Protein backbone atom coordinates (compact mmCIF):
# COMPACT_ATOMS: atom_id res chain seq x y z
CA UNK A 1 157.68 109.66 119.80
CA UNK A 2 154.86 108.63 117.56
CA UNK A 3 151.62 106.78 118.64
CA UNK A 4 149.61 104.99 115.79
CA UNK A 5 146.18 103.67 116.90
CA UNK A 6 144.35 101.55 113.94
CA UNK A 7 140.32 100.85 113.97
CA UNK A 8 137.61 99.32 111.33
CA UNK A 9 138.58 95.27 111.86
CA UNK A 10 136.09 93.31 112.39
CA UNK A 11 134.34 90.06 111.10
CA UNK A 12 132.52 90.29 107.38
CA UNK A 13 131.30 87.62 105.10
CA UNK A 14 133.07 87.19 101.85
CA UNK A 15 132.22 89.48 99.45
CA UNK A 16 132.06 92.46 102.01
CA UNK A 17 134.36 95.33 102.47
CA UNK A 18 136.13 96.90 105.74
CA UNK A 19 138.12 100.69 105.92
CA UNK A 20 140.89 100.09 108.23
CA UNK A 21 141.98 103.32 109.45
CA UNK A 22 144.91 104.24 111.24
CA UNK A 23 145.46 107.75 113.83
CA UNK A 24 149.09 109.21 113.78
CA UNK A 25 149.93 111.27 116.63
CA UNK A 26 152.67 112.21 118.46
CA UNK A 27 156.05 114.04 116.75
CA UNK A 28 154.32 113.29 113.37
CA UNK A 29 157.08 115.63 111.13
CA UNK A 30 159.04 113.87 108.74
CA UNK A 31 157.11 111.16 108.69
CA UNK A 32 157.38 109.76 104.88
CA UNK A 33 156.51 106.35 103.90
CA UNK A 34 152.91 104.66 105.42
CA UNK A 35 152.16 101.14 105.19
CA UNK A 36 149.74 98.78 105.87
CA UNK A 37 150.87 94.92 106.89
CA UNK A 38 149.04 91.71 107.94
CA UNK A 39 149.76 88.51 109.74
CA UNK A 40 147.15 85.41 109.58
CA UNK A 41 147.98 82.63 112.41
CA UNK A 42 150.77 80.70 111.65
CA UNK A 43 152.33 82.68 108.94
CA UNK A 44 155.28 85.84 108.50
CA UNK A 45 153.66 89.46 108.25
CA UNK A 46 153.26 90.45 105.39
CA UNK A 47 153.55 93.80 103.31
CA UNK A 48 149.87 94.42 101.49
CA UNK A 49 150.14 98.04 100.76
CA UNK A 50 152.12 101.25 100.60
CA UNK A 51 151.95 104.94 100.12
CA UNK A 52 154.76 107.43 99.86
CA UNK A 53 154.71 110.80 101.12
CA UNK A 54 153.90 112.06 97.93
CA UNK A 55 151.20 109.63 97.08
CA UNK A 56 152.41 107.16 95.45
CA UNK A 57 150.84 103.12 96.06
CA UNK A 58 151.81 99.92 95.68
CA UNK A 59 150.52 96.65 96.54
CA UNK A 60 150.74 92.92 96.89
CA UNK A 61 149.61 91.08 94.45
CA UNK A 62 147.25 89.85 96.56
CA UNK A 63 145.57 92.88 97.30
CA UNK A 64 145.70 94.74 93.81
CA UNK A 65 142.52 95.24 92.24
CA UNK A 66 141.01 94.88 95.62
CA UNK A 67 142.20 96.81 98.78
CA UNK A 68 143.51 100.94 98.38
CA UNK A 69 145.76 102.71 100.13
CA UNK A 70 145.22 106.20 101.06
CA UNK A 71 146.45 109.07 103.69
CA UNK A 72 144.78 112.16 104.69
CA UNK A 73 148.27 114.44 105.98
CA UNK A 74 145.95 117.08 107.73
CA UNK A 75 144.02 114.08 109.87
CA UNK A 76 147.03 112.76 109.61
CA UNK A 77 145.91 109.36 109.23
CA UNK A 78 146.40 106.65 106.39
CA UNK A 79 143.36 103.89 105.88
CA UNK A 80 143.02 100.72 103.63
CA UNK A 81 139.73 100.20 101.87
CA UNK A 82 139.46 96.27 101.42
CA UNK A 83 136.44 95.54 99.26
CA UNK A 84 135.78 91.72 97.80
CA UNK A 85 137.17 90.68 100.85
CA UNK A 86 138.15 86.60 101.18
CA UNK A 87 138.91 84.21 103.76
CA UNK A 88 142.46 84.33 103.28
CA UNK A 89 142.20 87.97 104.23
CA UNK A 90 141.98 86.85 108.12
CA UNK A 91 144.58 88.16 109.41
CA UNK A 92 145.67 90.98 112.27
CA UNK A 93 146.08 94.18 110.34
CA UNK A 94 149.13 96.56 111.10
CA UNK A 95 150.21 99.79 110.02
CA UNK A 96 153.52 101.04 110.30
CA UNK A 97 154.90 104.79 109.30
CA UNK A 98 158.50 105.20 108.36
CA UNK A 99 160.30 109.00 109.84
CA UNK A 100 163.07 109.92 108.08
CA UNK A 101 165.57 111.90 110.96
CA UNK A 102 168.87 113.11 110.50
CA UNK A 103 169.01 110.68 107.98
CA UNK A 104 168.13 107.85 109.90
CA UNK A 105 164.71 106.10 109.17
CA UNK A 106 162.73 105.16 112.18
CA UNK A 107 160.14 102.58 112.26
CA UNK A 108 156.57 103.02 114.22
CA UNK A 109 153.71 100.47 114.63
CA UNK A 110 150.09 99.57 115.36
CA UNK A 111 149.14 97.67 117.89
CA UNK A 112 147.23 95.87 114.77
CA UNK A 113 143.50 95.34 114.44
CA UNK A 114 141.66 91.86 113.75
CA UNK A 115 140.25 91.16 110.38
CA UNK A 116 137.98 88.02 110.54
CA UNK A 117 136.35 87.16 106.56
CA UNK A 118 133.61 84.03 107.25
CA UNK A 119 133.17 82.35 104.28
């Protein structure tokens, strides 16, 4: 199994920064892409950022230019650096990884970390 533990959330004023971390443990071989999602109250969960095994990244339009996803394959950790935070960034942030095993992608999720941005 694969376990994911997020950290780094909290309360920050608009314009501030936070760095989220997601530590991956367990059977971590064959992990491919890693992702950050978020879910605001009353809204559907949305994909915020993606990083592939080769380091290619992609971002939601709302995150481009402000958020940076990165991964440390030695520490088995994925990060989300969030700058110039806005009140609309308030949400529970979840990390998610894909693990490719015998041609099937298995998804694993963390428990989430709350980010609250005050105006």
